[in-house]
Amino acid sequence: MSQDNLLRLKSPSGTMVYTRKNKKKLANVKLSLKKFDKKLRKRAVFKEVKK
């Protein structure tokens, strides 16, 4: 995978980070996904952060 297309999604607790491949047409929009956070033991909104 090219490093240009990778995104980092950080949990609200700040302990977990997901890495995801980005699509070019979504480049100007900050991505947020609802994923499971092991530390909080529930689903949380992971938001895009700087690399």
PDB file of N, CA and C in Angstrom:
ATOM      1  N   MET A   1       0.839  -1.187   0.000  1.00  0.00           N
ATOM      2  CA  MET A   1       0.000   0.000   0.000  1.00  0.00           C
ATOM      3  C   MET A   1       0.878   1.242   0.000  1.00  0.00           C
ATOM      4  N   SER A   2       0.469   2.204  -0.744  1.00  0.00           N
ATOM      5  CA  SER A   2       1.168   3.471  -0.773  1.00  0.00           C
ATOM      6  C   SER A   2       0.885   4.246   0.509  1.00  0.00           C
ATOM      7  N   GLN A   3       1.885   4.906   1.038  1.00  0.00           N
ATOM      8  CA  GLN A   3       1.716   5.661   2.281  1.00  0.00           C
ATOM      9  C   GLN A   3       0.834   6.892   2.085  1.00  0.00           C
ATOM     10  N   ASP A   4       0.685   7.359   0.842  1.00  0.00           N
ATOM     11  CA  ASP A   4      -0.151   8.522   0.567  1.00  0.00           C
ATOM     12  C   ASP A   4      -1.624   8.225   0.813  1.00  0.00           C
ATOM     13  N   ASN A   5      -2.030   6.980   0.633  1.00  0.00           N
ATOM     14  CA  ASN A   5      -3.435   6.618   0.725  1.00  0.00           C
ATOM     15  C   ASN A   5      -3.842   6.098   2.097  1.00  0.00           C
ATOM     16  N   LEU A   6      -2.954   6.082   3.072  1.00  0.00           N
ATOM     17  CA  LEU A   6      -3.284   5.544   4.385  1.00  0.00           C
ATOM     18  C   LEU A   6      -3.838   6.623   5.303  1.00  0.00           C
ATOM     19  N   LEU A   7      -4.826   6.235   6.107  1.00  0.00           N
ATOM     20  CA  LEU A   7      -5.410   7.118   7.110  1.00  0.00           C
ATOM     21  C   LEU A   7      -5.211   6.503   8.482  1.00  0.00           C
ATOM     22  N   ARG A   8      -5.127   7.337   9.501  1.00  0.00           N
ATOM     23  CA  ARG A   8      -5.093   6.852  10.875  1.00  0.00           C
ATOM     24  C   ARG A   8      -6.369   7.304  11.558  1.00  0.00           C
ATOM     25  N   LEU A   9      -7.080   6.361  12.146  1.00  0.00           N
ATOM     26  CA  LEU A   9      -8.311   6.641  12.876  1.00  0.00           C
ATOM     27  C   LEU A   9      -8.033   6.393  14.348  1.00  0.00           C
ATOM     28  N   LYS A  10      -8.229   7.432  15.170  1.00  0.00           N
ATOM     29  CA  LYS A  10      -7.900   7.347  16.589  1.00  0.00           C
ATOM     30  C   LYS A  10      -9.167   7.306  17.425  1.00  0.00           C
ATOM     31  N   SER A  11      -9.130   6.512  18.492  1.00  0.00           N
ATOM     32  CA  SER A  11     -10.290   6.365  19.374  1.00  0.00           C
ATOM     33  C   SER A  11     -10.407   7.572  20.300  1.00  0.00           C
ATOM     34  N   PRO A  12     -11.586   7.788  20.890  1.00  0.00           N
ATOM     35  CA  PRO A  12     -11.758   8.900  21.831  1.00  0.00           C
ATOM     36  C   PRO A  12     -10.898   8.744  23.085  1.00  0.00           C
ATOM     37  N   SER A  13     -10.622   7.510  23.493  1.00  0.00           N
ATOM     38  CA  SER A  13      -9.773   7.295  24.665  1.00  0.00           C
ATOM     39  C   SER A  13      -8.301   7.532  24.333  1.00  0.00           C
ATOM     40  N   GLY A  14      -7.969   7.511  23.049  1.00  0.00           N
ATOM     41  CA  GLY A  14      -6.609   7.789  22.612  1.00  0.00           C
ATOM     42  C   GLY A  14      -5.682   6.591  22.669  1.00  0.00           C
ATOM     43  N   THR A  15      -6.216   5.420  22.991  1.00  0.00           N
ATOM     44  CA  THR A  15      -5.359   4.254  23.148  1.00  0.00           C
ATOM     45  C   THR A  15      -5.280   3.393  21.898  1.00  0.00           C
ATOM     46  N   MET A  16      -6.290   3.432  21.057  1.00  0.00           N
ATOM     47  CA  MET A  16      -6.324   2.573  19.873  1.00  0.00           C
ATOM     48  C   MET A  16      -6.239   3.382  18.592  1.00  0.00           C
ATOM     49  N   VAL A  17      -5.563   2.820  17.602  1.00  0.00           N
ATOM     50  CA  VAL A  17      -5.454   3.453  16.294  1.00  0.00           C
ATOM     51  C   VAL A  17      -5.708   2.396  15.224  1.00  0.00           C
ATOM     52  N   TYR A  18      -6.621   2.682  14.317  1.00  0.00           N
ATOM     53  CA  TYR A  18      -6.862   1.842  13.152  1.00  0.00           C
ATOM     54  C   TYR A  18      -6.205   2.502  11.955  1.00  0.00           C
ATOM     55  N   THR A  19      -5.659   1.703  11.051  1.00  0.00           N
ATOM     56  CA  THR A  19      -5.107   2.205   9.801  1.00  0.00           C
ATOM     57  C   THR A  19      -6.019   1.732   8.683  1.00  0.00           C
ATOM     58  N   ARG A  20      -6.346   2.646   7.806  1.00  0.00           N
ATOM     59  CA  ARG A  20      -7.310   2.338   6.751  1.00  0.00           C
ATOM     60  C   ARG A  20      -6.838   2.957   5.446  1.00  0.00           C
ATOM     61  N   LYS A  21      -7.178   2.317   4.343  1.00  0.00           N
ATOM     62  CA  LYS A  21      -6.848   2.835   3.025  1.00  0.00           C
ATOM     63  C   LYS A  21      -7.886   3.885   2.634  1.00  0.00           C
ATOM     64  N   ASN A  22      -7.443   4.995   2.072  1.00  0.00           N
ATOM     65  CA  ASN A  22      -8.326   6.097   1.703  1.00  0.00           C
ATOM     66  C   ASN A  22      -8.619   6.070   0.210  1.00  0.00           C
ATOM     67  N   LYS A  23      -9.795   6.530  -0.139  1.00  0.00           N
ATOM     68  CA  LYS A  23     -10.135   6.713  -1.541  1.00  0.00           C
ATOM     69  C   LYS A  23      -9.860   8.165  -1.918  1.00  0.00           C
ATOM     70  N   LYS A  24      -9.436   8.383  -3.131  1.00  0.00           N
ATOM     71  CA  LYS A  24      -9.036   9.717  -3.578  1.00  0.00           C
ATOM     72  C   LYS A  24     -10.170  10.729  -3.522  1.00  0.00           C
ATOM     73  N   LYS A  25     -11.397  10.329  -3.815  1.00  0.00           N
ATOM     74  CA  LYS A  25     -12.489  11.297  -3.864  1.00  0.00           C
ATOM     75  C   LYS A  25     -12.924  11.769  -2.474  1.00  0.00           C
ATOM     76  N   LEU A  26     -12.494  11.095  -1.414  1.00  0.00           N
ATOM     77  CA  LEU A  26     -12.820  11.517  -0.053  1.00  0.00           C
ATOM     78  C   LEU A  26     -11.673  12.275   0.605  1.00  0.00           C
ATOM     79  N   ALA A  27     -10.718  12.740  -0.170  1.00  0.00           N
ATOM     80  CA  ALA A  27      -9.505  13.332   0.381  1.00  0.00           C
ATOM     81  C   ALA A  27      -9.768  14.616   1.161  1.00  0.00           C
ATOM     82  N   ASN A  28     -10.799  15.376   0.817  1.00  0.00           N
ATOM     83  CA  ASN A  28     -11.022  16.653   1.486  1.00  0.00           C
ATOM     84  C   ASN A  28     -11.965  16.542   2.684  1.00  0.00           C
ATOM     85  N   VAL A  29     -12.501  15.358   2.946  1.00  0.00           N
ATOM     86  CA  VAL A  29     -13.447  15.165   4.040  1.00  0.00           C
ATOM     87  C   VAL A  29     -12.784  14.339   5.137  1.00  0.00           C
ATOM     88  N   LYS A  30     -12.895  14.794   6.403  1.00  0.00           N
ATOM     89  CA  LYS A  30     -12.373  14.022   7.529  1.00  0.00           C
ATOM     90  C   LYS A  30     -13.279  12.828   7.775  1.00  0.00           C
ATOM     91  N   LEU A  31     -12.690  11.673   7.886  1.00  0.00           N
ATOM     92  CA  LEU A  31     -13.441  10.437   8.021  1.00  0.00           C
ATOM     93  C   LEU A  31     -13.665  10.110   9.494  1.00  0.00           C
ATOM     94  N   SER A  32     -14.850   9.613   9.830  1.00  0.00           N
ATOM     95  CA  SER A  32     -15.114   9.104  11.174  1.00  0.00           C
ATOM     96  C   SER A  32     -15.939   7.832  11.042  1.00  0.00           C
ATOM     97  N   LEU A  33     -15.501   6.794  11.729  1.00  0.00           N
ATOM     98  CA  LEU A  33     -16.154   5.492  11.666  1.00  0.00           C
ATOM     99  C   LEU A  33     -16.463   5.007  13.074  1.00  0.00           C
ATOM    100  N   LYS A  34     -17.545   4.270  13.197  1.00  0.00           N
ATOM    101  CA  LYS A  34     -17.907   3.684  14.479  1.00  0.00           C
ATOM    102  C   LYS A  34     -17.312   2.280  14.530  1.00  0.00           C
ATOM    103  N   LYS A  35     -16.350   2.066  15.432  1.00  0.00           N
ATOM    104  CA  LYS A  35     -15.660   0.789  15.561  1.00  0.00           C
ATOM    105  C   LYS A  35     -15.646   0.390  17.040  1.00  0.00           C
ATOM    106  N   PHE A  36     -15.250  -0.843  17.310  1.00  0.00           N
ATOM    107  CA  PHE A  36     -15.190  -1.339  18.681  1.00  0.00           C
ATOM    108  C   PHE A  36     -13.874  -0.929  19.323  1.00  0.00           C
ATOM    109  N   ASP A  37     -13.950  -0.315  20.499  1.00  0.00           N
ATOM    110  CA  ASP A  37     -12.775   0.087  21.268  1.00  0.00           C
ATOM    111  C   ASP A  37     -12.591  -0.916  22.401  1.00  0.00           C
ATOM    112  N   LYS A  38     -11.466  -1.617  22.411  1.00  0.00           N
ATOM    113  CA  LYS A  38     -11.224  -2.651  23.417  1.00  0.00           C
ATOM    114  C   LYS A  38     -11.065  -2.061  24.815  1.00  0.00           C
ATOM    115  N   LYS A  39     -10.491  -0.886  24.912  1.00  0.00           N
ATOM    116  CA  LYS A  39     -10.277  -0.256  26.218  1.00  0.00           C
ATOM    117  C   LYS A  39     -11.603   0.151  26.854  1.00  0.00           C
ATOM    118  N   LEU A  40     -12.495   0.754  26.069  1.00  0.00           N
ATOM    119  CA  LEU A  40     -13.801   1.177  26.576  1.00  0.00           C
ATOM    120  C   LEU A  40     -14.807   0.032  26.614  1.00  0.00           C
ATOM    121  N   ARG A  41     -14.505  -1.034  25.866  1.00  0.00           N
ATOM    122  CA  ARG A  41     -15.374  -2.212  25.743  1.00  0.00           C
ATOM    123  C   ARG A  41     -16.749  -1.876  25.186  1.00  0.00           C
ATOM    124  N   LYS A  42     -16.771  -0.950  24.238  1.00  0.00           N
ATOM    125  CA  LYS A  42     -18.003  -0.613  23.530  1.00  0.00           C
ATOM    126  C   LYS A  42     -17.635   0.046  22.207  1.00  0.00           C
ATOM    127  N   ARG A  43     -18.645   0.270  21.386  1.00  0.00           N
ATOM    128  CA  ARG A  43     -18.404   0.934  20.105  1.00  0.00           C
ATOM    129  C   ARG A  43     -18.211   2.418  20.339  1.00  0.00           C
ATOM    130  N   ALA A  44     -17.252   2.989  19.622  1.00  0.00           N
ATOM    131  CA  ALA A  44     -16.950   4.407  19.745  1.00  0.00           C
ATOM    132  C   ALA A  44     -16.668   4.969  18.354  1.00  0.00           C
ATOM    133  N   VAL A  45     -16.744   6.282  18.247  1.00  0.00           N
ATOM    134  CA  VAL A  45     -16.481   6.948  16.968  1.00  0.00           C
ATOM    135  C   VAL A  45     -14.985   7.223  16.864  1.00  0.00           C
ATOM    136  N   PHE A  46     -14.353   6.602  15.888  1.00  0.00           N
ATOM    137  CA  PHE A  46     -12.940   6.814  15.615  1.00  0.00           C
ATOM    138  C   PHE A  46     -12.834   7.910  14.569  1.00  0.00           C
ATOM    139  N   LYS A  47     -12.016   8.939  14.841  1.00  0.00           N
ATOM    140  CA  LYS A  47     -11.885  10.071  13.928  1.00  0.00           C
ATOM    141  C   LYS A  47     -10.504  10.092  13.296  1.00  0.00           C
ATOM    142  N   GLU A  48     -10.450  10.650  12.100  1.00  0.00           N
ATOM    143  CA  GLU A  48      -9.196  10.736  11.354  1.00  0.00           C
ATOM    144  C   GLU A  48      -8.263  11.739  12.023  1.00  0.00           C
ATOM    145  N   VAL A  49      -6.999  11.349  12.173  1.00  0.00           N
ATOM    146  CA  VAL A  49      -5.977  12.231  12.735  1.00  0.00           C
ATOM    147  C   VAL A  49      -4.808  12.321  11.767  1.00  0.00           C
ATOM    148  N   LYS A  50      -3.912  13.261  12.048  1.00  0.00           N
ATOM    149  CA  LYS A  50      -2.746  13.445  11.205  1.00  0.00           C
ATOM    150  C   LYS A  50      -1.788  12.269  11.368  1.00  0.00           C
ATOM    151  N   LYS A  51      -1.041  11.948  10.322  1.00  0.00           N
ATOM    152  CA  LYS A  51      -0.095  10.821  10.360  1.00  0.00           C
ATOM    153  C   LYS A  51       1.056  11.089  11.285  1.00  0.00           C
TER     154      LYS A  51
END
